[in-house]
Protein backbone atom coordinates (compact mmCIF):
# COMPACT_ATOMS: atom_id res chain seq x y z
CA MET A 1 46.81 25.14 43.73
CA ARG A 2 45.11 24.99 40.37
CA VAL A 3 41.63 26.37 39.88
CA VAL A 4 38.96 23.63 39.67
CA ARG A 5 35.57 24.39 38.25
CA LYS A 6 34.26 20.98 37.39
CA ILE A 7 34.08 17.59 39.12
CA ILE A 8 33.64 15.14 36.17
CA VAL A 9 32.11 11.78 36.91
CA HIS A 10 32.79 8.76 34.60
CA ALA A 11 31.88 5.09 34.63
CA SER A 12 34.78 2.74 33.68
CA GLY A 13 32.39 0.72 31.48
CA HIS A 14 33.56 -2.69 32.74
CA SER A 15 31.82 -4.62 35.59
CA GLY A 16 34.31 -5.93 38.15
CA ASP A 17 36.74 -3.22 37.28
CA ASP A 18 39.21 -1.69 39.85
CA PHE A 19 41.93 0.85 40.03
CA ARG A 20 44.70 -1.40 38.95
CA ARG A 21 42.85 -2.45 35.75
CA ILE A 22 41.92 1.17 34.84
CA ASP A 23 45.54 2.22 35.46
CA ALA A 24 46.88 -0.58 33.22
CA ARG A 25 44.42 0.48 30.36
CA HIS A 26 45.49 4.20 30.64
CA LYS A 27 49.15 3.16 30.53
CA LYS A 28 48.47 1.07 27.50
CA ARG A 29 47.08 4.14 25.89
CA GLY A 30 50.27 6.00 26.48
CA LEU A 31 49.66 7.77 29.84
CA ARG A 32 52.32 7.70 32.54
CA ARG A 33 49.53 6.87 35.11
CA ILE A 34 45.86 6.72 35.52
CA GLY A 35 44.01 9.91 34.30
CA PHE A 36 41.49 10.10 37.21
CA HIS A 37 42.04 11.71 40.58
CA TYR A 38 39.63 9.25 42.24
CA VAL A 39 38.33 5.85 41.49
CA ILE A 40 35.36 4.36 43.42
CA ALA A 41 35.11 0.57 43.32
CA GLU A 42 31.77 -1.21 43.16
CA ASN A 43 32.03 -2.05 46.97
CA GLY A 44 32.51 1.76 47.56
CA GLU A 45 36.24 1.50 48.22
CA LEU A 46 38.00 4.86 47.27
CA THR A 47 41.42 4.96 45.75
CA ARG A 48 43.24 8.16 44.99
CA GLY A 49 44.88 8.47 41.56
CA ARG A 50 46.49 11.71 40.44
CA ALA A 51 47.29 14.38 42.90
CA LEU A 52 44.63 17.16 43.01
CA ALA A 53 47.44 19.66 42.05
CA GLU A 54 48.02 17.81 38.79
CA ALA A 55 45.70 18.10 35.82
CA GLY A 56 43.90 14.90 35.00
CA ALA A 57 43.64 13.04 31.63
CA HIS A 58 40.02 12.08 31.61
CA CYS A 59 37.87 14.50 29.55
CA LEU A 60 39.50 16.20 26.48
CA GLY A 61 39.32 19.94 26.67
CA TYR A 62 38.30 20.02 30.41
CA ASN A 63 41.39 18.41 32.22
CA ALA A 64 43.09 21.68 33.26
CA ASP A 65 40.12 22.88 35.46
CA SER A 66 38.54 19.67 36.56
CA VAL A 67 38.86 16.75 38.99
CA GLY A 68 38.11 13.34 37.47
CA VAL A 69 36.20 10.73 39.51
CA CYS A 70 35.55 7.23 38.04
CA LEU A 71 33.03 4.85 39.27
CA CYS A 72 34.02 1.18 38.34
CA GLY A 73 31.33 -0.70 36.65
CA ASN A 74 28.93 -0.43 33.67
CA GLY A 75 27.19 2.83 34.54
CA LEU A 76 24.61 1.70 37.17
CA PRO A 77 26.24 2.82 40.38
CA THR A 78 25.99 0.73 43.50
CA GLU A 79 24.59 2.11 46.69
CA TRP A 80 28.09 2.12 48.16
CA GLN A 81 29.40 3.98 45.25
CA MET A 82 26.75 6.66 45.51
CA ARG A 83 27.41 7.14 49.18
CA LYS A 84 31.07 7.43 48.53
CA LEU A 85 30.58 9.76 45.53
CA HIS A 86 28.35 12.05 47.43
CA GLY A 87 31.07 12.36 50.16
CA VAL A 88 33.84 12.99 47.68
CA ILE A 89 31.79 15.63 45.80
CA ARG A 90 31.00 17.44 49.20
CA ARG A 91 34.63 17.49 50.19
CA LEU A 92 35.75 18.67 46.80
CA ILE A 93 33.22 21.45 46.74
CA ARG A 94 34.33 22.57 50.18
CA ARG A 95 37.93 22.77 48.94
CA PHE A 96 36.94 24.19 45.50
CA PRO A 97 33.74 26.28 46.24
CA ASN A 98 33.17 27.11 42.57
CA ALA A 99 33.30 23.63 41.33
CA LYS A 100 30.14 21.91 39.99
CA PRO A 101 29.64 18.19 39.29
CA PHE A 102 29.00 16.88 35.82
CA ARG A 103 28.63 13.47 34.13
CA VAL A 104 31.27 13.17 31.41
CA GLY A 105 28.52 12.82 28.78
CA GLU A 106 27.36 16.38 29.50
CA LEU A 107 30.65 17.82 28.44
CA ASP A 108 32.03 15.31 25.96
CA PRO A 109 29.49 14.33 23.23
CA TRP A 110 31.83 11.69 22.04
CA SER A 111 32.14 9.85 25.33
CA SER A 112 30.58 6.47 25.87
CA ASP A 113 28.84 7.74 28.98
CA SER A 114 26.61 5.17 30.52
CA LEU A 115 26.05 6.79 33.85
CA THR A 116 22.50 6.76 35.11
CA ILE A 117 22.97 9.41 37.70
CA ARG A 118 21.80 13.08 37.86
CA PHE A 119 23.08 16.05 39.87
CA ASP A 120 20.34 18.08 41.58
CA GLU A 121 20.99 21.73 40.63
CA ARG A 122 24.69 21.13 40.45
CA SER A 123 24.73 20.89 44.25
CA GLY A 124 26.63 17.50 44.30
CA GLY A 125 23.53 15.53 45.38
């Protein structure tokens, strides 16, 4: 199993987005498949993307030691997304105890990060 130090949370930037649409956009950019490990739809539905054992393709310079989670939508998460996100982060931290959550904009200054969430003391909440 690879070492995971970061859980990087993204917003898809498109209201009404879903796993299928994000996967298609990533393939159009030349990826074999979606670059995220998890996608959380606006209704809270969780879809797994890449296997955790595989590096993602979601945050240049950080893919090797991170897990990518994408919230569908324009950056203002729904209550259902936040509940699911907290659960995903808790499970990932149990599996990877040294992992800390970040918004993509905290790591990649060139990202179009529109997320309106904060992580309390990097605890996942």
